[in-house]
Amino acid sequence: MSKEQVILQLIPIFRQYGYEGTSLSMLSKATGLGKASLYHYFPQGKQGMAKAVMDYIASNFEEAVLRFLQDASTPEERILLMCQALGDFYAHGHNNCFLAMMSLGEADNLFHDQVKQQLEIWIDTVTQVLIEGGIEPQLARERSQDAIIEIQGALILVRILNEPAIFTRILNDMPRKLISS
């Protein structure tokens, strides 16, 4: 099994239970690998596994979502494509946000800078698109932050209330909220 295949099997465990709620036994069971084999792939243990998952998800997010914000279409089209891609990336609300899960408890101490960096990249990228769409820079940044707050809040509500339609509604309304004058 390749390291990438192992990472793909680790993602759902960390995404569901967070860093503190995930045990080596859970990770071993999810991958079908013994603890020694996991340490072979990740000498830093659970922390190394979580970092590898975070790096993988960040790269995947960039390719699956952020790339739409950097193409040559209009700002309106880029925001719409980002929202559609977010629906797919979060399985229409069924996937917890990994960054949110890694910002709690001990994980925040270990991964705060990485989580912050990923959120800043997302905010900055959306902000730039809004500025290109004619929105004043300060308002563009505020709207970008508000959008991510709404997306994250919707993911939390979906998880608690088990109502994926909440996430879909937020994503459907997002382009209008971001781009309107």
Protein backbone atom coordinates (compact mmCIF):
# COMPACT_ATOMS: atom_id res chain seq x y z
CA MET A 1 0.00 0.00 0.00
CA SER A 2 1.33 3.43 -0.92
CA LYS A 3 1.65 6.25 1.59
CA GLU A 4 -1.07 8.17 -0.28
CA GLN A 5 -3.43 5.19 0.04
CA VAL A 6 -2.76 5.11 3.77
CA ILE A 7 -3.42 8.86 4.05
CA LEU A 8 -6.73 8.44 2.22
CA GLN A 9 -7.78 5.85 4.80
CA LEU A 10 -6.73 8.10 7.69
CA ILE A 11 -8.74 11.12 6.51
CA PRO A 12 -12.22 9.93 7.56
CA ILE A 13 -11.03 9.02 11.06
CA PHE A 14 -9.41 12.38 11.77
CA ARG A 15 -12.29 14.17 10.06
CA GLN A 16 -14.87 12.43 12.24
CA TYR A 17 -13.09 12.25 15.59
CA GLY A 18 -10.59 15.09 15.46
CA TYR A 19 -7.05 14.76 16.69
CA GLU A 20 -7.73 14.09 20.35
CA GLY A 21 -10.57 11.65 19.68
CA THR A 22 -8.48 9.57 17.30
CA SER A 23 -6.39 6.74 18.70
CA LEU A 24 -3.62 4.73 17.09
CA SER A 25 -5.87 1.69 17.41
CA MET A 26 -8.56 3.43 15.36
CA LEU A 27 -6.02 4.42 12.72
CA SER A 28 -4.60 0.91 12.63
CA LYS A 29 -8.07 -0.58 12.20
CA ALA A 30 -8.99 1.92 9.46
CA THR A 31 -5.88 1.18 7.43
CA GLY A 32 -5.55 -2.51 8.22
CA LEU A 33 -1.94 -1.84 9.20
CA GLY A 34 -0.31 -2.66 12.49
CA LYS A 35 1.02 0.16 14.62
CA ALA A 36 4.59 -0.68 13.59
CA SER A 37 3.65 -0.34 9.92
CA LEU A 38 1.98 3.00 10.60
CA TYR A 39 5.17 4.20 12.32
CA HIS A 40 7.11 3.03 9.26
CA TYR A 41 5.08 5.45 7.10
CA PHE A 42 4.85 8.13 9.81
CA PRO A 43 7.81 8.05 12.24
CA GLN A 44 6.29 10.95 14.22
CA GLY A 45 3.27 8.78 15.06
CA LYS A 46 -0.21 10.23 15.27
CA GLN A 47 1.09 13.79 14.94
CA GLY A 48 2.90 12.86 11.73
CA MET A 49 -0.22 11.17 10.41
CA ALA A 50 -2.37 14.20 11.18
CA LYS A 51 0.16 16.50 9.51
CA ALA A 52 0.27 14.29 6.41
CA VAL A 53 -3.53 14.30 6.26
CA MET A 54 -3.58 18.09 6.69
CA ASP A 55 -1.02 18.56 3.91
CA TYR A 56 -2.95 16.22 1.63
CA ILE A 57 -6.28 17.97 2.27
CA ALA A 58 -4.72 21.42 1.80
CA SER A 59 -3.29 20.37 -1.55
CA ASN A 60 -6.57 18.77 -2.55
CA PHE A 61 -8.54 21.88 -1.49
CA GLU A 62 -6.27 24.04 -3.60
CA GLU A 63 -6.78 21.81 -6.63
CA ALA A 64 -10.49 21.10 -6.11
CA VAL A 65 -11.71 24.54 -4.95
CA LEU A 66 -9.22 27.40 -5.05
CA ARG A 67 -8.13 26.78 -8.63
CA PHE A 68 -11.56 27.97 -9.79
CA LEU A 69 -10.86 31.35 -8.23
CA GLN A 70 -7.71 31.75 -10.28
CA ASP A 71 -8.94 31.07 -13.80
CA ALA A 72 -9.66 33.56 -16.56
CA SER A 73 -13.44 33.76 -16.26
CA THR A 74 -15.37 36.64 -14.72
CA PRO A 75 -15.32 37.13 -10.93
CA GLU A 76 -18.99 36.09 -10.79
CA GLU A 77 -18.28 32.84 -12.62
CA ARG A 78 -15.26 32.10 -10.42
CA ILE A 79 -17.30 32.55 -7.22
CA LEU A 80 -20.09 30.35 -8.59
CA LEU A 81 -17.59 27.65 -9.56
CA MET A 82 -15.95 27.86 -6.12
CA CYS A 83 -19.32 27.33 -4.44
CA GLN A 84 -20.11 24.36 -6.65
CA ALA A 85 -16.67 22.90 -5.92
CA LEU A 86 -17.20 23.42 -2.18
CA GLY A 87 -20.37 21.37 -2.43
CA ASP A 88 -18.40 18.52 -3.93
CA PHE A 89 -15.40 18.94 -1.62
CA TYR A 90 -17.55 18.73 1.52
CA ALA A 91 -19.79 16.00 0.03
CA HIS A 92 -22.69 18.45 0.08
CA GLY A 93 -22.33 18.94 3.80
CA HIS A 94 -21.66 15.35 4.81
CA ASN A 95 -17.91 15.87 5.41
CA ASN A 96 -16.73 17.81 8.44
CA CYS A 97 -14.20 20.52 7.79
CA PHE A 98 -10.82 19.04 8.61
CA LEU A 99 -9.37 22.47 9.45
CA ALA A 100 -12.13 23.03 12.00
CA MET A 101 -11.48 19.64 13.55
CA MET A 102 -7.78 20.45 13.78
CA SER A 103 -8.37 23.75 15.55
CA LEU A 104 -9.64 22.16 18.77
CA GLY A 105 -7.78 21.17 21.91
CA GLU A 106 -4.30 19.74 21.59
CA ALA A 107 -4.51 19.87 17.80
CA ASP A 108 -4.74 23.66 17.95
CA ASN A 109 -1.43 23.74 19.83
CA LEU A 110 0.18 21.46 17.25
CA PHE A 111 -1.33 22.73 14.01
CA HIS A 112 -2.52 26.29 14.65
CA ASP A 113 -0.10 27.89 12.19
CA GLN A 114 -1.01 25.44 9.40
CA VAL A 115 -4.75 25.90 9.93
CA LYS A 116 -4.35 29.68 10.05
CA GLN A 117 -2.27 29.66 6.87
CA GLN A 118 -4.86 27.62 4.96
CA LEU A 119 -7.70 29.89 6.05
CA GLU A 120 -5.70 33.00 5.15
CA ILE A 121 -4.98 31.63 1.68
CA TRP A 122 -8.71 31.00 1.16
CA ILE A 123 -9.71 34.45 2.47
CA ASP A 124 -7.01 36.21 0.44
CA THR A 125 -7.93 34.36 -2.74
CA VAL A 126 -11.65 35.16 -2.45
CA THR A 127 -10.83 38.76 -1.51
CA GLN A 128 -8.74 39.20 -4.65
CA VAL A 129 -11.57 37.92 -6.84
CA LEU A 130 -14.02 40.32 -5.21
CA ILE A 131 -11.63 43.25 -5.69
CA GLU A 132 -11.35 42.30 -9.37
CA GLY A 133 -15.16 42.36 -9.40
CA GLY A 134 -15.13 46.00 -8.33
CA ILE A 135 -15.62 45.68 -4.58
CA GLU A 136 -13.58 47.96 -2.33
CA PRO A 137 -10.69 46.04 -0.69
CA GLN A 138 -11.82 46.32 2.95
CA LEU A 139 -15.39 45.27 2.10
CA ALA A 140 -14.05 42.46 -0.11
CA ARG A 141 -12.02 41.10 2.81
CA GLU A 142 -14.95 41.35 5.21
CA ARG A 143 -17.23 39.54 2.76
CA SER A 144 -14.61 36.83 2.27
CA GLN A 145 -14.33 36.31 6.03
CA ASP A 146 -18.12 36.31 6.41
CA ALA A 147 -18.46 33.72 3.65
CA ILE A 148 -16.07 31.35 5.37
CA ILE A 149 -17.85 31.92 8.68
CA GLU A 150 -21.14 30.98 7.01
CA ILE A 151 -19.66 27.93 5.30
CA GLN A 152 -18.06 26.68 8.52
CA GLY A 153 -21.20 27.42 10.52
CA ALA A 154 -23.32 25.54 8.01
CA LEU A 155 -21.02 22.52 8.25
CA ILE A 156 -21.41 22.55 12.04
CA LEU A 157 -25.20 22.78 11.82
CA VAL A 158 -25.34 19.97 9.27
CA ARG A 159 -23.25 17.78 11.57
CA ILE A 160 -25.43 18.50 14.60
CA LEU A 161 -28.88 18.66 12.97
CA ASN A 162 -28.17 16.17 10.17
CA GLU A 163 -29.72 18.55 7.62
CA PRO A 164 -27.45 18.80 4.54
CA ALA A 165 -29.91 21.19 2.92
CA ILE A 166 -28.51 23.91 5.21
CA PHE A 167 -25.12 23.66 3.54
CA THR A 168 -26.65 23.62 0.09
CA ARG A 169 -28.71 26.72 0.86
CA ILE A 170 -25.64 28.62 2.11
CA LEU A 171 -23.65 27.71 -0.99
CA ASN A 172 -26.53 28.64 -3.30
CA ASP A 173 -26.83 32.09 -1.65
CA MET A 174 -23.09 32.69 -1.43
CA PRO A 175 -22.40 34.09 -4.93
CA ARG A 176 -25.12 36.73 -4.56
CA LYS A 177 -23.88 37.76 -1.10
CA LEU A 178 -20.27 38.00 -2.20
CA ILE A 179 -20.66 39.79 -5.51
CA SER A 180 -23.66 42.11 -4.98
CA SER A 181 -22.84 45.80 -4.78
